[in-house]
Amino acid sequence: MIGKILLRLFALFGMTLTCVACYGTAYDEYHAEYGASGRVVDPQKNPIEGIEVSLGEKKTYTTEDGRFYIHNLDYQGLHFKDVDGKRNGGEFADRHIPLNQPNVDLGDIELLKID
């Protein structure tokens, strides 16, 4: 009796593995890779270096000219955070921008000073 139950369980497990191996998972079908690029600036349109840009768990930092590029499977939105305090010309407020489409150039993103 136990042998028949184990045989059926192993058969079910084997069929499940075969389906996943042959057809993939639904996650790959419905989650496109999202990416964004742009330039982070202050209210006077000066570039801001060293701003942390995150998309889900992925992070990058703006370059000397304020530019960034980031991509990830997570599409909840971009988060901008000043992690170096006043080193980049002042302290800037955090900002969140939702992403409505994959691979978008956001142009200039303005962060407000809080000092």
C-alpha atoms as a PDB file:
ATOM      1  CA  MET A   1       0.000   0.000   0.000  1.00  0.00           C
ATOM      2  CA  ILE A   2       2.733   2.470   0.974  1.00  0.00           C
ATOM      3  CA  GLY A   3       4.672   1.448  -2.128  1.00  0.00           C
ATOM      4  CA  LYS A   4       1.759   2.405  -4.386  1.00  0.00           C
ATOM      5  CA  ILE A   5       1.379   5.791  -2.678  1.00  0.00           C
ATOM      6  CA  LEU A   6       5.104   6.513  -2.995  1.00  0.00           C
ATOM      7  CA  LEU A   7       5.076   5.426  -6.640  1.00  0.00           C
ATOM      8  CA  ARG A   8       2.224   7.831  -7.420  1.00  0.00           C
ATOM      9  CA  LEU A   9       3.915  10.691  -5.543  1.00  0.00           C
ATOM     10  CA  PHE A  10       7.187  10.161  -7.419  1.00  0.00           C
ATOM     11  CA  ALA A  11       5.308   9.952 -10.734  1.00  0.00           C
ATOM     12  CA  LEU A  12       3.520  13.239  -9.985  1.00  0.00           C
ATOM     13  CA  PHE A  13       6.803  14.879  -8.977  1.00  0.00           C
ATOM     14  CA  GLY A  14       8.470  13.619 -12.154  1.00  0.00           C
ATOM     15  CA  MET A  15       5.673  14.964 -14.357  1.00  0.00           C
ATOM     16  CA  THR A  16       5.913  18.348 -12.653  1.00  0.00           C
ATOM     17  CA  LEU A  17       9.660  18.538 -13.289  1.00  0.00           C
ATOM     18  CA  THR A  18       9.157  17.520 -16.911  1.00  0.00           C
ATOM     19  CA  CYS A  19       6.555  20.251 -17.465  1.00  0.00           C
ATOM     20  CA  VAL A  20       8.789  22.932 -15.933  1.00  0.00           C
ATOM     21  CA  ALA A  21      11.796  21.757 -17.961  1.00  0.00           C
ATOM     22  CA  CYS A  22       9.849  21.696 -21.229  1.00  0.00           C
ATOM     23  CA  TYR A  23       7.651  24.743 -20.862  1.00  0.00           C
ATOM     24  CA  GLY A  24       9.478  27.025 -18.413  1.00  0.00           C
ATOM     25  CA  THR A  25       7.743  28.938 -15.711  1.00  0.00           C
ATOM     26  CA  ALA A  26       5.036  31.559 -15.960  1.00  0.00           C
ATOM     27  CA  TYR A  27       7.342  34.150 -14.320  1.00  0.00           C
ATOM     28  CA  ASP A  28       9.489  34.446 -17.454  1.00  0.00           C
ATOM     29  CA  GLU A  29       6.460  35.030 -19.652  1.00  0.00           C
ATOM     30  CA  TYR A  30       4.876  37.838 -17.685  1.00  0.00           C
ATOM     31  CA  HIS A  31       7.820  39.811 -16.244  1.00  0.00           C
ATOM     32  CA  ALA A  32       9.735  41.802 -18.813  1.00  0.00           C
ATOM     33  CA  GLU A  33      13.064  43.277 -17.850  1.00  0.00           C
ATOM     34  CA  TYR A  34      12.598  46.905 -16.895  1.00  0.00           C
ATOM     35  CA  GLY A  35      15.283  49.500 -17.348  1.00  0.00           C
ATOM     36  CA  ALA A  36      15.601  53.228 -16.982  1.00  0.00           C
ATOM     37  CA  SER A  37      18.143  55.897 -17.735  1.00  0.00           C
ATOM     38  CA  GLY A  38      18.313  59.600 -17.147  1.00  0.00           C
ATOM     39  CA  ARG A  39      20.180  62.431 -15.489  1.00  0.00           C
ATOM     40  CA  VAL A  40      19.681  63.598 -11.892  1.00  0.00           C
ATOM     41  CA  VAL A  41      19.856  67.374 -11.459  1.00  0.00           C
ATOM     42  CA  ASP A  42      19.244  70.016  -8.789  1.00  0.00           C
ATOM     43  CA  PRO A  43      16.629  72.802  -9.225  1.00  0.00           C
ATOM     44  CA  GLN A  44      19.188  74.895 -11.173  1.00  0.00           C
ATOM     45  CA  LYS A  45      19.682  71.944 -13.606  1.00  0.00           C
ATOM     46  CA  ASN A  46      23.212  71.197 -12.305  1.00  0.00           C
ATOM     47  CA  PRO A  47      24.050  67.455 -12.384  1.00  0.00           C
ATOM     48  CA  ILE A  48      24.244  65.641  -9.038  1.00  0.00           C
ATOM     49  CA  GLU A  49      26.903  62.961  -8.605  1.00  0.00           C
ATOM     50  CA  GLY A  50      26.653  60.078  -6.136  1.00  0.00           C
ATOM     51  CA  ILE A  51      22.876  59.732  -5.863  1.00  0.00           C
ATOM     52  CA  GLU A  52      21.846  56.128  -5.190  1.00  0.00           C
ATOM     53  CA  VAL A  53      19.337  54.897  -7.783  1.00  0.00           C
ATOM     54  CA  SER A  54      17.545  51.639  -6.990  1.00  0.00           C
ATOM     55  CA  LEU A  55      15.120  49.488  -8.939  1.00  0.00           C
ATOM     56  CA  GLY A  56      13.954  46.717  -6.656  1.00  0.00           C
ATOM     57  CA  GLU A  57      17.081  45.182  -5.128  1.00  0.00           C
ATOM     58  CA  LYS A  58      19.444  46.491  -7.817  1.00  0.00           C
ATOM     59  CA  LYS A  59      21.375  49.709  -7.131  1.00  0.00           C
ATOM     60  CA  THR A  60      23.616  52.067  -9.053  1.00  0.00           C
ATOM     61  CA  TYR A  61      24.981  55.580  -8.504  1.00  0.00           C
ATOM     62  CA  THR A  62      24.876  58.679 -10.669  1.00  0.00           C
ATOM     63  CA  THR A  63      28.089  59.643 -12.444  1.00  0.00           C
ATOM     64  CA  GLU A  64      29.867  62.998 -12.367  1.00  0.00           C
ATOM     65  CA  ASP A  65      27.472  64.338 -15.000  1.00  0.00           C
ATOM     66  CA  GLY A  66      24.432  63.013 -13.066  1.00  0.00           C
ATOM     67  CA  ARG A  67      23.688  60.160 -15.481  1.00  0.00           C
ATOM     68  CA  PHE A  68      22.532  56.654 -14.581  1.00  0.00           C
ATOM     69  CA  TYR A  69      21.320  53.437 -16.189  1.00  0.00           C
ATOM     70  CA  ILE A  70      19.721  50.572 -14.295  1.00  0.00           C
ATOM     71  CA  HIS A  71      17.761  47.446 -15.204  1.00  0.00           C
ATOM     72  CA  ASN A  72      16.026  44.670 -13.281  1.00  0.00           C
ATOM     73  CA  LEU A  73      13.054  42.311 -13.472  1.00  0.00           C
ATOM     74  CA  ASP A  74      11.391  44.331 -10.728  1.00  0.00           C
ATOM     75  CA  TYR A  75       9.143  47.028 -12.157  1.00  0.00           C
ATOM     76  CA  GLN A  76       7.767  48.766  -9.069  1.00  0.00           C
ATOM     77  CA  GLY A  77       9.663  51.970  -9.697  1.00  0.00           C
ATOM     78  CA  LEU A  78      12.872  53.885  -9.234  1.00  0.00           C
ATOM     79  CA  HIS A  79      13.988  55.268  -5.915  1.00  0.00           C
ATOM     80  CA  PHE A  80      16.527  58.107  -5.663  1.00  0.00           C
ATOM     81  CA  LYS A  81      18.394  58.636  -2.389  1.00  0.00           C
ATOM     82  CA  ASP A  82      21.206  60.993  -1.382  1.00  0.00           C
ATOM     83  CA  VAL A  83      23.552  58.673   0.502  1.00  0.00           C
ATOM     84  CA  ASP A  84      26.625  60.892   0.819  1.00  0.00           C
ATOM     85  CA  GLY A  85      25.091  63.861   2.621  1.00  0.00           C
ATOM     86  CA  LYS A  86      26.556  67.257   1.716  1.00  0.00           C
ATOM     87  CA  ARG A  87      29.505  65.878  -0.304  1.00  0.00           C
ATOM     88  CA  ASN A  88      27.623  66.331  -3.585  1.00  0.00           C
ATOM     89  CA  GLY A  89      26.711  69.980  -3.012  1.00  0.00           C
ATOM     90  CA  GLY A  90      23.978  69.657  -0.413  1.00  0.00           C
ATOM     91  CA  GLU A  91      21.458  67.251   0.969  1.00  0.00           C
ATOM     92  CA  PHE A  92      18.670  66.238  -1.392  1.00  0.00           C
ATOM     93  CA  ALA A  93      15.222  64.817  -0.699  1.00  0.00           C
ATOM     94  CA  ASP A  94      14.453  61.212  -1.684  1.00  0.00           C
ATOM     95  CA  ARG A  95      12.215  60.690  -4.682  1.00  0.00           C
ATOM     96  CA  HIS A  96      10.233  57.745  -6.076  1.00  0.00           C
ATOM     97  CA  ILE A  97       9.191  57.451  -9.726  1.00  0.00           C
ATOM     98  CA  PRO A  98       6.899  54.590 -10.832  1.00  0.00           C
ATOM     99  CA  LEU A  99       7.789  52.845 -14.090  1.00  0.00           C
ATOM    100  CA  ASN A 100       4.851  52.247 -16.421  1.00  0.00           C
ATOM    101  CA  GLN A 101       6.816  50.697 -19.285  1.00  0.00           C
ATOM    102  CA  PRO A 102      10.070  48.805 -19.760  1.00  0.00           C
ATOM    103  CA  ASN A 103      13.272  50.524 -20.920  1.00  0.00           C
ATOM    104  CA  VAL A 104      12.506  54.211 -20.651  1.00  0.00           C
ATOM    105  CA  ASP A 105      14.709  57.326 -20.794  1.00  0.00           C
ATOM    106  CA  LEU A 106      13.396  59.678 -18.130  1.00  0.00           C
ATOM    107  CA  GLY A 107      15.470  62.690 -19.153  1.00  0.00           C
ATOM    108  CA  ASP A 108      16.263  65.119 -16.320  1.00  0.00           C
ATOM    109  CA  ILE A 109      15.026  64.126 -12.849  1.00  0.00           C
ATOM    110  CA  GLU A 110      15.050  67.015 -10.410  1.00  0.00           C
ATOM    111  CA  LEU A 111      15.803  66.459  -6.727  1.00  0.00           C
ATOM    112  CA  LEU A 112      15.010  69.214  -4.238  1.00  0.00           C
ATOM    113  CA  LYS A 113      17.590  70.409  -1.704  1.00  0.00           C
ATOM    114  CA  ILE A 114      16.632  70.011   1.952  1.00  0.00           C
ATOM    115  CA  ASP A 115      19.463  71.964   3.622  1.00  0.00           C
END
